[in-house]
C-alpha cells in the first residue's frame, strides 16, 4: 500500500496532479482545494495517499493531511459514495465543513456537492454521525505536506495510526474530551469551546460525543 509520495509536480490537470518521483510519474487525484494549494510545475510536494484497487484500474488519491485522508476513507464507506464523490464533498465543504454538516445534521450542505443527491446526503449524515468525532478530534494532524524537502523519496510505509480517542459513549468524561478536542480543531477558542461543552453536558448529561458536539455548535452559533 502506498501511504505517501514525495516528488516534483510535473503537471496539474483539472482533478489530478502528476508527481515525478525519481523519474516515475504518479497520477494522483485530488480535491479542488488540495490542487489549488500545490506549487507550480517543478515544485516539490508530499501527499498522503490512498490507493483504490479495481479489477481494471488502480487510482491514487492524494491529501495534504492525515485528517483529510481519513475523512475521505470514511466518506467512501457510505453506500453510494465513491472516491470521486468523496472528493467532491471535500472540495465543496472542506473537511471542517463536512464535520459541521454531519454534527448538525445539515443534509443541504452535503447535497450541495456536485453529484450528491438528497438520499446519499441523508445517508452520509445518518451513517457517519457516530463515527465522525474520532476524525474531527484529529484536526489538522500531519499538517500540510505541500512544502516538502528535496529528498524526493517515495514512502511506502503503512499510514500512521490515528491517536487513540476515547470511544463515543464510553464515559461522560471521555465524551466531553472528544467533543472539546473536535471543537478546538474546528477553529473555536479553547475557552469558548469548553464553556459550550460544559453547558451542553450539564443540560443533557447522557449525551455522547456526537450529541455534545452538535449541542455545543448550536450554543456557539452567532445569535440573531
N, C-alpha and C. Protein backbone atom coordinates (compact mmCIF):
# COMPACT_ATOMS: atom_id res chain seq x y z
N UNK A 1 0.84 -1.20 0.00
CA UNK A 1 0.00 0.00 0.00
C UNK A 1 0.88 1.25 0.00
N UNK A 2 0.65 2.15 -0.92
CA UNK A 2 1.40 3.40 -0.99
C UNK A 2 0.74 4.40 -0.05
N UNK A 3 1.40 4.74 1.03
CA UNK A 3 0.82 5.63 2.03
C UNK A 3 1.17 7.09 1.86
N UNK A 4 2.29 7.39 1.16
CA UNK A 4 2.70 8.77 0.96
C UNK A 4 3.70 8.82 -0.18
N UNK A 5 3.65 9.87 -0.98
CA UNK A 5 4.65 10.05 -2.02
C UNK A 5 5.22 11.46 -1.93
N UNK A 6 6.49 11.57 -2.30
CA UNK A 6 7.17 12.86 -2.33
C UNK A 6 7.87 13.00 -3.68
N UNK A 7 7.66 14.11 -4.34
CA UNK A 7 8.28 14.31 -5.65
C UNK A 7 8.02 15.70 -6.18
N UNK A 8 8.27 15.89 -7.47
CA UNK A 8 8.09 17.19 -8.11
C UNK A 8 6.82 17.20 -8.96
N UNK A 9 6.17 18.33 -8.98
CA UNK A 9 4.98 18.49 -9.81
C UNK A 9 5.39 18.49 -11.27
N UNK A 10 4.86 17.57 -12.05
CA UNK A 10 5.12 17.53 -13.49
C UNK A 10 4.07 18.36 -14.22
N UNK A 11 2.81 18.09 -13.91
CA UNK A 11 1.73 18.95 -14.40
C UNK A 11 0.49 18.73 -13.56
N UNK A 12 -0.42 19.69 -13.65
CA UNK A 12 -1.70 19.60 -12.93
C UNK A 12 -2.84 19.56 -13.92
N UNK A 13 -3.75 18.59 -13.74
CA UNK A 13 -4.95 18.52 -14.54
C UNK A 13 -6.11 19.13 -13.78
N UNK A 14 -7.32 18.95 -14.27
CA UNK A 14 -8.49 19.52 -13.60
C UNK A 14 -8.82 18.80 -12.31
N UNK A 15 -8.47 17.53 -12.21
CA UNK A 15 -8.79 16.77 -11.00
C UNK A 15 -7.64 15.92 -10.49
N UNK A 16 -6.44 16.14 -11.04
CA UNK A 16 -5.31 15.32 -10.62
C UNK A 16 -3.99 16.07 -10.82
N UNK A 17 -2.93 15.53 -10.25
CA UNK A 17 -1.59 16.06 -10.43
C UNK A 17 -0.68 14.89 -10.77
N UNK A 18 0.27 15.12 -11.65
CA UNK A 18 1.27 14.10 -11.97
C UNK A 18 2.53 14.43 -11.17
N UNK A 19 2.91 13.51 -10.30
CA UNK A 19 4.07 13.72 -9.43
C UNK A 19 5.23 12.86 -9.93
N UNK A 20 6.33 13.52 -10.26
CA UNK A 20 7.53 12.84 -10.74
C UNK A 20 8.38 12.44 -9.53
N UNK A 21 8.45 11.14 -9.30
CA UNK A 21 9.25 10.61 -8.19
C UNK A 21 10.44 9.86 -8.77
N UNK A 22 11.56 10.55 -8.85
CA UNK A 22 12.80 9.96 -9.38
C UNK A 22 12.57 9.31 -10.73
N UNK A 23 11.89 10.01 -11.61
CA UNK A 23 11.69 9.55 -12.98
C UNK A 23 10.44 8.73 -13.21
N UNK A 24 9.73 8.39 -12.16
CA UNK A 24 8.46 7.64 -12.29
C UNK A 24 7.31 8.59 -11.98
N UNK A 25 6.35 8.68 -12.91
CA UNK A 25 5.23 9.59 -12.73
C UNK A 25 4.04 8.92 -12.08
N UNK A 26 3.54 9.53 -11.02
CA UNK A 26 2.36 9.02 -10.32
C UNK A 26 1.20 10.00 -10.52
N UNK A 27 0.11 9.52 -11.10
CA UNK A 27 -1.06 10.35 -11.26
C UNK A 27 -1.89 10.25 -9.99
N UNK A 28 -2.06 11.39 -9.33
CA UNK A 28 -2.74 11.42 -8.04
C UNK A 28 -3.96 12.33 -8.13
N UNK A 29 -5.13 11.76 -7.86
CA UNK A 29 -6.37 12.54 -7.89
C UNK A 29 -6.54 13.29 -6.58
N UNK A 30 -6.92 14.56 -6.69
CA UNK A 30 -7.04 15.41 -5.51
C UNK A 30 -8.29 16.27 -5.59
N UNK A 31 -8.71 16.78 -4.45
CA UNK A 31 -9.84 17.72 -4.43
C UNK A 31 -9.38 19.06 -4.99
N UNK A 32 -10.34 19.90 -5.36
CA UNK A 32 -10.02 21.24 -5.87
C UNK A 32 -9.22 22.03 -4.84
N UNK A 33 -9.59 21.87 -3.57
CA UNK A 33 -8.89 22.61 -2.52
C UNK A 33 -7.43 22.19 -2.41
N UNK A 34 -7.18 20.89 -2.53
CA UNK A 34 -5.80 20.41 -2.48
C UNK A 34 -5.01 20.89 -3.69
N UNK A 35 -5.61 20.78 -4.87
CA UNK A 35 -4.93 21.20 -6.09
C UNK A 35 -4.57 22.68 -6.06
N UNK A 36 -5.47 23.49 -5.53
CA UNK A 36 -5.23 24.94 -5.52
C UNK A 36 -4.06 25.32 -4.62
N UNK A 37 -3.72 24.45 -3.68
CA UNK A 37 -2.61 24.75 -2.77
C UNK A 37 -1.28 24.19 -3.20
N UNK A 38 -1.24 23.50 -4.33
CA UNK A 38 0.01 22.91 -4.79
C UNK A 38 0.88 23.94 -5.49
N UNK A 39 2.21 23.75 -5.44
CA UNK A 39 3.12 24.68 -6.12
C UNK A 39 3.06 24.51 -7.63
N UNK A 40 3.74 25.40 -8.33
CA UNK A 40 3.79 25.34 -9.79
C UNK A 40 4.65 24.16 -10.24
N UNK A 41 4.66 23.94 -11.54
CA UNK A 41 5.44 22.84 -12.10
C UNK A 41 6.90 22.93 -11.63
N UNK A 42 7.42 21.79 -11.22
CA UNK A 42 8.79 21.73 -10.73
C UNK A 42 8.90 21.85 -9.23
N UNK A 43 7.82 22.30 -8.57
CA UNK A 43 7.84 22.41 -7.12
C UNK A 43 7.80 21.05 -6.45
N UNK A 44 8.39 20.96 -5.28
CA UNK A 44 8.44 19.69 -4.54
C UNK A 44 7.25 19.60 -3.59
N UNK A 45 6.56 18.48 -3.64
CA UNK A 45 5.40 18.26 -2.78
C UNK A 45 5.46 16.88 -2.15
N UNK A 46 4.68 16.71 -1.08
CA UNK A 46 4.47 15.39 -0.49
C UNK A 46 2.99 15.28 -0.18
N UNK A 47 2.42 14.13 -0.48
CA UNK A 47 0.99 13.91 -0.26
C UNK A 47 0.77 12.55 0.40
N UNK A 48 -0.10 12.53 1.41
CA UNK A 48 -0.59 11.24 1.90
C UNK A 48 -1.49 10.68 0.81
N UNK A 49 -1.44 9.38 0.61
CA UNK A 49 -2.21 8.79 -0.48
C UNK A 49 -3.03 7.60 -0.04
N UNK A 50 -4.08 7.36 -0.79
CA UNK A 50 -4.93 6.19 -0.59
C UNK A 50 -5.08 5.52 -1.95
N UNK A 51 -4.78 4.24 -2.03
CA UNK A 51 -4.81 3.52 -3.29
C UNK A 51 -6.13 2.78 -3.45
N UNK A 52 -6.85 3.11 -4.51
CA UNK A 52 -8.10 2.43 -4.83
C UNK A 52 -7.81 1.35 -5.86
N UNK A 53 -8.11 0.11 -5.52
CA UNK A 53 -7.81 -1.03 -6.39
C UNK A 53 -9.10 -1.57 -6.99
N UNK A 54 -9.15 -1.57 -8.30
CA UNK A 54 -10.27 -2.18 -9.01
C UNK A 54 -9.74 -3.24 -9.96
N UNK A 55 -10.64 -4.02 -10.51
CA UNK A 55 -10.21 -5.11 -11.38
C UNK A 55 -9.42 -4.60 -12.58
N UNK A 56 -9.84 -3.46 -13.12
CA UNK A 56 -9.22 -2.97 -14.34
C UNK A 56 -8.50 -1.64 -14.17
N UNK A 57 -8.31 -1.21 -12.94
CA UNK A 57 -7.73 0.11 -12.74
C UNK A 57 -7.17 0.28 -11.33
N UNK A 58 -6.10 1.05 -11.22
CA UNK A 58 -5.54 1.46 -9.94
C UNK A 58 -5.52 2.98 -9.91
N UNK A 59 -6.05 3.57 -8.84
CA UNK A 59 -6.09 5.02 -8.74
C UNK A 59 -5.54 5.47 -7.39
N UNK A 60 -4.69 6.49 -7.42
CA UNK A 60 -4.16 7.08 -6.20
C UNK A 60 -4.90 8.38 -5.91
N UNK A 61 -5.28 8.58 -4.66
CA UNK A 61 -5.92 9.81 -4.23
C UNK A 61 -5.01 10.47 -3.21
N UNK A 62 -4.80 11.78 -3.35
CA UNK A 62 -3.83 12.47 -2.52
C UNK A 62 -4.43 13.50 -1.59
N UNK A 63 -3.79 13.66 -0.41
CA UNK A 63 -4.30 14.56 0.64
C UNK A 63 -3.12 15.21 1.36
N UNK A 64 -3.31 16.45 1.81
CA UNK A 64 -2.23 17.16 2.48
C UNK A 64 -2.14 16.86 3.96
N UNK A 65 -3.18 16.31 4.56
CA UNK A 65 -3.14 15.94 5.98
C UNK A 65 -3.73 14.55 6.17
N UNK A 66 -3.36 13.93 7.29
CA UNK A 66 -3.93 12.63 7.61
C UNK A 66 -5.43 12.73 7.87
N UNK A 67 -5.85 13.85 8.47
CA UNK A 67 -7.28 14.03 8.73
C UNK A 67 -8.06 14.06 7.43
N UNK A 68 -7.54 14.76 6.41
CA UNK A 68 -8.20 14.80 5.11
C UNK A 68 -8.32 13.38 4.53
N UNK A 69 -7.25 12.62 4.67
CA UNK A 69 -7.26 11.25 4.15
C UNK A 69 -8.29 10.39 4.87
N UNK A 70 -8.33 10.51 6.20
CA UNK A 70 -9.27 9.69 6.97
C UNK A 70 -10.71 10.09 6.68
N UNK A 71 -10.97 11.39 6.47
CA UNK A 71 -12.32 11.81 6.09
C UNK A 71 -12.71 11.19 4.77
N UNK A 72 -11.79 11.17 3.82
CA UNK A 72 -12.08 10.59 2.51
C UNK A 72 -12.42 9.11 2.64
N UNK A 73 -11.62 8.39 3.41
CA UNK A 73 -11.87 6.97 3.61
C UNK A 73 -13.21 6.73 4.30
N UNK A 74 -13.53 7.59 5.28
CA UNK A 74 -14.80 7.44 6.00
C UNK A 74 -15.98 7.71 5.08
N UNK A 75 -15.89 8.75 4.27
CA UNK A 75 -16.99 9.07 3.35
C UNK A 75 -17.25 7.93 2.37
N UNK A 76 -16.19 7.27 1.91
CA UNK A 76 -16.37 6.20 0.94
C UNK A 76 -16.95 4.92 1.55
N UNK A 77 -17.08 4.87 2.87
CA UNK A 77 -17.73 3.72 3.49
C UNK A 77 -19.25 3.81 3.37
N UNK A 78 -19.74 5.00 3.01
CA UNK A 78 -21.19 5.19 2.86
C UNK A 78 -21.63 4.64 1.52
N UNK A 79 -22.68 3.85 1.52
CA UNK A 79 -23.18 3.27 0.29
C UNK A 79 -23.56 4.36 -0.70
N UNK A 80 -23.02 4.26 -1.91
CA UNK A 80 -23.34 5.24 -2.94
C UNK A 80 -22.33 6.37 -3.06
N UNK A 81 -21.39 6.44 -2.11
CA UNK A 81 -20.36 7.48 -2.16
C UNK A 81 -19.05 6.85 -2.62
N UNK A 82 -18.69 7.11 -3.87
CA UNK A 82 -17.43 6.61 -4.38
C UNK A 82 -16.30 7.58 -4.08
N UNK A 83 -15.11 7.24 -4.55
CA UNK A 83 -13.94 8.07 -4.27
C UNK A 83 -14.09 9.46 -4.87
N UNK A 84 -14.62 9.55 -6.08
CA UNK A 84 -14.78 10.86 -6.72
C UNK A 84 -15.84 11.69 -6.01
N UNK A 85 -16.92 11.06 -5.57
CA UNK A 85 -17.96 11.78 -4.84
C UNK A 85 -17.43 12.30 -3.50
N UNK A 86 -16.59 11.49 -2.85
CA UNK A 86 -15.99 11.93 -1.58
C UNK A 86 -15.10 13.14 -1.81
N UNK A 87 -14.36 13.15 -2.92
CA UNK A 87 -13.54 14.32 -3.25
C UNK A 87 -14.41 15.54 -3.52
N UNK A 88 -15.55 15.32 -4.18
CA UNK A 88 -16.45 16.44 -4.47
C UNK A 88 -16.99 17.06 -3.19
N UNK A 89 -17.33 16.22 -2.22
CA UNK A 89 -17.83 16.72 -0.94
C UNK A 89 -16.74 17.52 -0.23
N UNK A 90 -15.51 16.98 -0.23
CA UNK A 90 -14.39 17.67 0.41
C UNK A 90 -14.07 18.97 -0.32
N UNK A 91 -14.18 18.98 -1.65
CA UNK A 91 -13.90 20.19 -2.42
C UNK A 91 -14.91 21.28 -2.13
N UNK A 92 -16.17 20.89 -1.98
CA UNK A 92 -17.24 21.87 -1.77
C UNK A 92 -17.24 22.43 -0.36
N UNK A 93 -17.07 21.56 0.63
CA UNK A 93 -17.22 21.97 2.02
C UNK A 93 -15.91 22.12 2.78
N UNK A 94 -14.87 21.42 2.34
CA UNK A 94 -13.67 21.34 3.15
C UNK A 94 -13.94 20.37 4.30
N UNK A 95 -12.90 19.84 4.90
CA UNK A 95 -13.12 18.85 5.95
C UNK A 95 -13.80 19.46 7.18
N UNK A 96 -13.50 20.73 7.48
CA UNK A 96 -14.19 21.38 8.60
C UNK A 96 -15.67 21.52 8.31
N UNK A 97 -16.00 21.84 7.05
CA UNK A 97 -17.40 21.98 6.67
C UNK A 97 -18.13 20.65 6.73
N UNK A 98 -17.45 19.58 6.34
CA UNK A 98 -18.04 18.24 6.43
C UNK A 98 -18.31 17.91 7.89
N UNK A 99 -17.35 18.23 8.75
CA UNK A 99 -17.51 17.97 10.19
C UNK A 99 -18.75 18.67 10.74
N UNK A 100 -18.88 19.95 10.41
CA UNK A 100 -20.03 20.72 10.92
C UNK A 100 -21.34 20.17 10.36
N UNK A 101 -21.34 19.86 9.06
CA UNK A 101 -22.57 19.38 8.43
C UNK A 101 -23.05 18.08 9.08
N UNK A 102 -22.13 17.17 9.33
CA UNK A 102 -22.51 15.89 9.95
C UNK A 102 -22.95 16.10 11.39
N UNK A 103 -22.22 16.94 12.13
CA UNK A 103 -22.56 17.19 13.53
C UNK A 103 -23.93 17.84 13.67
N UNK A 104 -24.28 18.73 12.73
CA UNK A 104 -25.54 19.45 12.80
C UNK A 104 -26.66 18.79 11.99
N UNK A 105 -26.34 17.68 11.33
CA UNK A 105 -27.35 17.01 10.51
C UNK A 105 -27.78 17.85 9.32
N UNK A 106 -26.85 18.62 8.75
CA UNK A 106 -27.14 19.55 7.66
C UNK A 106 -27.08 18.82 6.32
N UNK A 107 -28.21 18.22 5.94
CA UNK A 107 -28.28 17.47 4.69
C UNK A 107 -28.05 18.39 3.49
N UNK A 108 -28.58 19.60 3.55
CA UNK A 108 -28.45 20.54 2.42
C UNK A 108 -26.99 20.85 2.10
N UNK A 109 -26.16 20.94 3.13
CA UNK A 109 -24.75 21.24 2.90
C UNK A 109 -24.07 20.09 2.15
N UNK A 110 -24.33 18.87 2.58
CA UNK A 110 -23.74 17.71 1.90
C UNK A 110 -24.27 17.62 0.47
N UNK A 111 -25.54 17.91 0.31
CA UNK A 111 -26.18 17.81 -1.01
C UNK A 111 -25.64 18.85 -1.99
N UNK A 112 -25.03 19.90 -1.48
CA UNK A 112 -24.51 20.95 -2.36
C UNK A 112 -23.30 20.50 -3.17
N UNK A 113 -22.69 19.38 -2.79
CA UNK A 113 -21.55 18.85 -3.55
C UNK A 113 -22.03 18.29 -4.88
N UNK A 114 -21.25 18.50 -5.90
CA UNK A 114 -21.62 18.04 -7.24
C UNK A 114 -21.80 16.53 -7.29
N UNK A 115 -22.92 16.07 -7.81
CA UNK A 115 -23.17 14.65 -7.97
C UNK A 115 -23.72 13.96 -6.75
N UNK A 116 -24.01 14.71 -5.70
CA UNK A 116 -24.54 14.12 -4.47
C UNK A 116 -26.01 14.50 -4.33
N UNK A 117 -26.89 13.51 -4.38
CA UNK A 117 -28.32 13.75 -4.26
C UNK A 117 -28.79 13.73 -2.82
N UNK A 118 -30.06 14.04 -2.61
CA UNK A 118 -30.59 14.12 -1.24
C UNK A 118 -30.54 12.80 -0.49
N UNK A 119 -30.78 11.69 -1.16
CA UNK A 119 -30.76 10.40 -0.47
C UNK A 119 -29.36 10.05 0.02
N UNK A 120 -28.37 10.28 -0.83
CA UNK A 120 -26.99 9.99 -0.44
C UNK A 120 -26.56 10.95 0.66
N UNK A 121 -26.94 12.21 0.53
CA UNK A 121 -26.58 13.20 1.57
C UNK A 121 -27.15 12.80 2.93
N UNK A 122 -28.39 12.35 2.94
CA UNK A 122 -29.01 11.91 4.19
C UNK A 122 -28.30 10.67 4.74
N UNK A 123 -27.89 9.80 3.83
CA UNK A 123 -27.19 8.59 4.24
C UNK A 123 -25.84 8.93 4.87
N UNK A 124 -25.15 9.93 4.32
CA UNK A 124 -23.88 10.38 4.89
C UNK A 124 -24.08 10.83 6.33
N UNK A 125 -25.11 11.65 6.55
CA UNK A 125 -25.38 12.15 7.90
C UNK A 125 -25.71 11.00 8.85
N UNK A 126 -26.59 10.12 8.41
CA UNK A 126 -27.08 9.04 9.27
C UNK A 126 -25.98 8.04 9.63
N UNK A 127 -25.18 7.65 8.62
CA UNK A 127 -24.19 6.61 8.83
C UNK A 127 -22.92 7.10 9.51
N UNK A 128 -22.63 8.39 9.41
CA UNK A 128 -21.35 8.88 9.92
C UNK A 128 -21.46 9.70 11.20
N UNK A 129 -22.68 9.97 11.67
CA UNK A 129 -22.81 10.85 12.83
C UNK A 129 -22.11 10.31 14.08
N UNK A 130 -22.04 8.98 14.23
CA UNK A 130 -21.37 8.42 15.40
C UNK A 130 -19.90 8.09 15.15
N UNK A 131 -19.47 8.17 13.88
CA UNK A 131 -18.08 7.87 13.54
C UNK A 131 -17.24 9.13 13.38
N UNK A 132 -17.90 10.25 13.08
CA UNK A 132 -17.19 11.48 12.76
C UNK A 132 -16.35 12.05 13.90
N UNK A 133 -16.79 12.01 15.18
CA UNK A 133 -16.00 12.66 16.24
C UNK A 133 -14.55 12.21 16.32
N UNK A 134 -14.28 10.96 16.02
CA UNK A 134 -12.92 10.46 16.11
C UNK A 134 -12.01 11.18 15.13
N UNK A 135 -12.50 11.42 13.91
CA UNK A 135 -11.68 12.12 12.92
C UNK A 135 -11.69 13.62 13.17
N UNK A 136 -12.81 14.15 13.65
CA UNK A 136 -12.86 15.57 13.99
C UNK A 136 -11.81 15.90 15.04
N UNK A 137 -11.59 14.98 15.97
CA UNK A 137 -10.61 15.20 17.03
C UNK A 137 -9.18 15.18 16.51
N UNK A 138 -8.97 14.60 15.32
CA UNK A 138 -7.63 14.60 14.73
C UNK A 138 -7.23 15.99 14.29
N UNK A 139 -8.23 16.78 13.86
CA UNK A 139 -7.95 18.13 13.39
C UNK A 139 -6.98 18.11 12.24
N UNK A 140 -5.98 18.98 12.29
CA UNK A 140 -5.03 19.11 11.18
C UNK A 140 -3.76 18.32 11.38
N UNK A 141 -3.85 17.19 12.07
CA UNK A 141 -2.64 16.41 12.30
C UNK A 141 -1.94 16.09 10.99
N UNK A 142 -0.64 16.10 11.00
CA UNK A 142 0.12 15.87 9.80
C UNK A 142 -0.01 17.06 8.89
N UNK A 143 -0.07 18.25 9.47
CA UNK A 143 -0.38 19.47 8.76
C UNK A 143 0.39 19.58 7.47
N UNK A 144 -0.15 20.33 6.59
CA UNK A 144 0.17 20.38 5.17
C UNK A 144 1.56 19.89 4.80
N UNK A 145 1.54 18.98 3.86
CA UNK A 145 2.79 18.41 3.37
C UNK A 145 3.17 18.99 2.01
N UNK A 146 2.49 20.06 1.59
CA UNK A 146 2.76 20.62 0.27
C UNK A 146 4.21 21.07 0.16
N UNK A 147 4.74 21.72 1.21
CA UNK A 147 6.12 22.14 1.17
C UNK A 147 7.00 21.01 1.68
N UNK A 148 7.57 20.26 0.77
CA UNK A 148 8.36 19.09 1.14
C UNK A 148 9.85 19.40 0.98
N UNK A 149 10.68 18.49 1.49
CA UNK A 149 12.10 18.70 1.34
C UNK A 149 12.55 18.21 -0.03
N UNK A 150 13.84 18.25 -0.28
CA UNK A 150 14.37 17.94 -1.60
C UNK A 150 14.74 16.48 -1.78
N UNK A 151 14.51 15.64 -0.78
CA UNK A 151 14.96 14.25 -0.89
C UNK A 151 14.21 13.48 -1.95
N UNK A 152 12.94 13.86 -2.19
CA UNK A 152 12.12 13.24 -3.23
C UNK A 152 12.15 11.72 -3.16
N UNK A 153 11.82 11.17 -2.02
CA UNK A 153 11.76 9.73 -1.86
C UNK A 153 10.32 9.30 -1.87
N UNK A 154 10.08 8.04 -2.22
CA UNK A 154 8.73 7.50 -2.14
C UNK A 154 8.63 6.69 -0.87
N UNK A 155 7.63 7.00 -0.08
CA UNK A 155 7.43 6.36 1.21
C UNK A 155 6.28 5.39 1.10
N UNK A 156 6.56 4.09 1.22
CA UNK A 156 5.52 3.09 1.06
C UNK A 156 5.13 2.47 2.40
N UNK A 157 5.46 3.16 3.47
CA UNK A 157 5.11 2.61 4.77
C UNK A 157 3.62 2.70 5.03
N UNK A 158 3.14 1.89 5.93
CA UNK A 158 1.74 1.92 6.31
C UNK A 158 1.41 3.26 6.93
N UNK A 159 0.26 3.87 6.58
CA UNK A 159 -0.09 5.16 7.15
C UNK A 159 -0.05 5.14 8.67
N UNK A 160 0.34 6.29 9.25
CA UNK A 160 0.44 6.40 10.70
C UNK A 160 -0.91 6.16 11.34
N UNK A 161 -0.93 5.38 12.41
CA UNK A 161 -2.18 5.14 13.13
C UNK A 161 -2.68 6.43 13.75
N UNK A 162 -3.98 6.59 13.79
CA UNK A 162 -4.57 7.75 14.43
C UNK A 162 -4.35 7.66 15.93
N UNK A 163 -4.22 8.81 16.58
CA UNK A 163 -4.05 8.78 18.03
C UNK A 163 -5.27 8.20 18.69
N UNK A 164 -5.09 7.49 19.81
CA UNK A 164 -6.25 6.90 20.48
C UNK A 164 -7.21 7.96 20.98
N UNK A 165 -8.48 7.77 20.68
CA UNK A 165 -9.53 8.69 21.12
C UNK A 165 -10.53 7.89 21.94
N UNK A 166 -11.00 8.47 23.01
CA UNK A 166 -11.98 7.77 23.84
C UNK A 166 -13.20 7.40 23.01
N UNK A 167 -13.66 6.16 23.07
CA UNK A 167 -14.82 5.75 22.28
C UNK A 167 -16.05 6.55 22.65
N UNK A 168 -16.88 6.81 21.62
CA UNK A 168 -18.13 7.53 21.87
C UNK A 168 -18.97 6.77 22.86
N UNK A 169 -19.48 7.44 23.83
CA UNK A 169 -20.35 6.90 24.87
C UNK A 169 -19.60 6.05 25.90
N UNK A 170 -18.28 5.98 25.81
CA UNK A 170 -17.55 5.16 26.78
C UNK A 170 -17.71 5.72 28.18
N UNK A 171 -17.63 7.02 28.31
CA UNK A 171 -17.82 7.65 29.60
C UNK A 171 -18.14 9.11 29.37
N UNK A 172 -18.74 9.74 30.38
CA UNK A 172 -19.08 11.16 30.27
C UNK A 172 -17.83 12.00 30.06
N UNK A 173 -16.79 11.71 30.83
CA UNK A 173 -15.55 12.48 30.71
C UNK A 173 -14.93 12.29 29.33
N UNK A 174 -14.93 11.06 28.85
CA UNK A 174 -14.37 10.79 27.52
C UNK A 174 -15.14 11.50 26.43
N UNK A 175 -16.46 11.52 26.54
CA UNK A 175 -17.28 12.19 25.54
C UNK A 175 -17.01 13.69 25.53
N UNK A 176 -16.87 14.28 26.71
CA UNK A 176 -16.58 15.71 26.81
C UNK A 176 -15.21 16.03 26.21
N UNK A 177 -14.23 15.18 26.48
CA UNK A 177 -12.89 15.41 25.95
C UNK A 177 -12.88 15.33 24.43
N UNK A 178 -13.58 14.34 23.89
CA UNK A 178 -13.64 14.20 22.43
C UNK A 178 -14.34 15.39 21.81
N UNK A 179 -15.45 15.82 22.41
CA UNK A 179 -16.20 16.96 21.89
C UNK A 179 -15.37 18.23 21.94
N UNK A 180 -14.67 18.45 23.05
CA UNK A 180 -13.83 19.64 23.19
C UNK A 180 -12.71 19.64 22.16
N UNK A 181 -12.06 18.51 21.99
CA UNK A 181 -10.97 18.41 21.01
C UNK A 181 -11.48 18.69 19.60
N UNK A 182 -12.66 18.13 19.27
CA UNK A 182 -13.23 18.33 17.94
C UNK A 182 -13.55 19.80 17.70
N UNK A 183 -14.13 20.48 18.68
CA UNK A 183 -14.49 21.89 18.53
C UNK A 183 -13.25 22.76 18.37
N UNK A 184 -12.21 22.47 19.13
CA UNK A 184 -10.96 23.24 19.01
C UNK A 184 -10.37 23.07 17.62
N UNK A 185 -10.43 21.84 17.10
CA UNK A 185 -9.90 21.58 15.78
C UNK A 185 -10.76 22.16 14.68
N UNK A 186 -11.99 22.54 15.00
CA UNK A 186 -12.84 23.24 14.05
C UNK A 186 -12.58 24.74 14.08
N UNK A 187 -11.71 25.19 14.97
CA UNK A 187 -11.32 26.58 14.98
C UNK A 187 -11.85 27.42 16.13
N UNK A 188 -12.60 26.83 17.04
CA UNK A 188 -13.13 27.58 18.18
C UNK A 188 -12.06 27.70 19.27
N UNK A 189 -12.08 28.81 20.00
CA UNK A 189 -11.14 29.00 21.08
C UNK A 189 -11.39 28.00 22.20
N UNK A 190 -10.33 27.66 22.93
CA UNK A 190 -10.45 26.66 23.98
C UNK A 190 -11.48 27.06 25.03
N UNK A 191 -11.44 28.33 25.44
CA UNK A 191 -12.37 28.78 26.48
C UNK A 191 -13.82 28.70 26.05
N UNK A 192 -14.12 29.22 24.83
CA UNK A 192 -15.49 29.19 24.32
C UNK A 192 -15.97 27.76 24.14
N UNK A 193 -15.08 26.92 23.58
CA UNK A 193 -15.46 25.53 23.33
C UNK A 193 -15.72 24.79 24.64
N UNK A 194 -14.85 24.98 25.63
CA UNK A 194 -15.00 24.31 26.91
C UNK A 194 -16.29 24.75 27.61
N UNK A 195 -16.59 26.04 27.52
CA UNK A 195 -17.82 26.54 28.14
C UNK A 195 -19.05 25.93 27.49
N UNK A 196 -19.04 25.87 26.16
CA UNK A 196 -20.17 25.32 25.44
C UNK A 196 -20.36 23.83 25.74
N UNK A 197 -19.26 23.09 25.78
CA UNK A 197 -19.35 21.65 26.08
C UNK A 197 -19.85 21.44 27.50
N UNK A 198 -19.34 22.22 28.43
CA UNK A 198 -19.76 22.08 29.82
C UNK A 198 -21.25 22.40 29.98
N UNK A 199 -21.71 23.44 29.31
CA UNK A 199 -23.11 23.81 29.40
C UNK A 199 -24.00 22.74 28.78
N UNK A 200 -23.60 22.25 27.61
CA UNK A 200 -24.38 21.21 26.94
C UNK A 200 -24.42 19.94 27.78
N UNK A 201 -23.28 19.58 28.38
CA UNK A 201 -23.21 18.38 29.21
C UNK A 201 -24.05 18.54 30.47
N UNK A 202 -24.05 19.75 31.04
CA UNK A 202 -24.84 19.98 32.24
C UNK A 202 -26.33 19.89 31.98
N UNK A 203 -26.75 20.36 30.81
CA UNK A 203 -28.17 20.33 30.46
C UNK A 203 -28.61 18.94 30.03
N UNK A 204 -27.69 18.20 29.36
CA UNK A 204 -28.02 16.87 28.85
C UNK A 204 -26.86 15.93 29.15
N UNK A 205 -26.74 15.46 30.39
CA UNK A 205 -25.58 14.68 30.83
C UNK A 205 -25.41 13.32 30.15
N UNK A 206 -26.46 12.82 29.53
CA UNK A 206 -26.36 11.50 28.92
C UNK A 206 -25.88 11.54 27.47
N UNK A 207 -25.59 12.72 26.96
CA UNK A 207 -25.15 12.83 25.57
C UNK A 207 -23.76 12.23 25.38
N UNK A 208 -23.57 11.58 24.23
CA UNK A 208 -22.24 11.11 23.85
C UNK A 208 -21.51 12.23 23.11
N UNK A 209 -20.34 11.93 22.58
CA UNK A 209 -19.52 12.94 21.91
C UNK A 209 -20.26 13.60 20.75
N UNK A 210 -20.93 12.79 19.93
CA UNK A 210 -21.64 13.35 18.77
C UNK A 210 -22.71 14.33 19.21
N UNK A 211 -23.50 13.95 20.20
CA UNK A 211 -24.55 14.83 20.69
C UNK A 211 -24.00 16.10 21.33
N UNK A 212 -22.89 15.96 22.06
CA UNK A 212 -22.27 17.13 22.69
C UNK A 212 -21.74 18.11 21.65
N UNK A 213 -21.14 17.58 20.60
CA UNK A 213 -20.62 18.46 19.53
C UNK A 213 -21.76 19.23 18.89
N UNK A 214 -22.84 18.52 18.59
CA UNK A 214 -23.99 19.17 17.95
C UNK A 214 -24.59 20.23 18.87
N UNK A 215 -24.76 19.90 20.13
CA UNK A 215 -25.35 20.85 21.08
C UNK A 215 -24.43 22.05 21.29
N UNK A 216 -23.12 21.80 21.39
CA UNK A 216 -22.17 22.88 21.61
C UNK A 216 -22.10 23.80 20.39
N UNK A 217 -22.16 23.23 19.19
CA UNK A 217 -22.14 24.06 17.97
C UNK A 217 -23.34 24.99 17.93
N UNK A 218 -24.48 24.53 18.39
CA UNK A 218 -25.66 25.38 18.43
C UNK A 218 -25.46 26.53 19.43
N UNK A 219 -24.83 26.23 20.55
CA UNK A 219 -24.57 27.26 21.55
C UNK A 219 -23.55 28.28 21.04
N UNK A 220 -22.61 27.81 20.21
CA UNK A 220 -21.56 28.68 19.70
C UNK A 220 -21.97 29.46 18.46
N UNK A 221 -23.10 29.07 17.86
CA UNK A 221 -23.55 29.74 16.63
C UNK A 221 -23.89 31.19 16.91
N UNK A 222 -23.56 32.11 15.97
CA UNK A 222 -23.88 33.52 16.16
C UNK A 222 -25.37 33.72 16.42
N UNK A 223 -25.70 34.56 17.34
CA UNK A 223 -27.11 34.83 17.67
C UNK A 223 -27.63 35.97 16.80
N UNK A 224 -28.92 35.88 16.50
CA UNK A 224 -29.55 36.95 15.75
C UNK A 224 -29.55 36.72 14.26
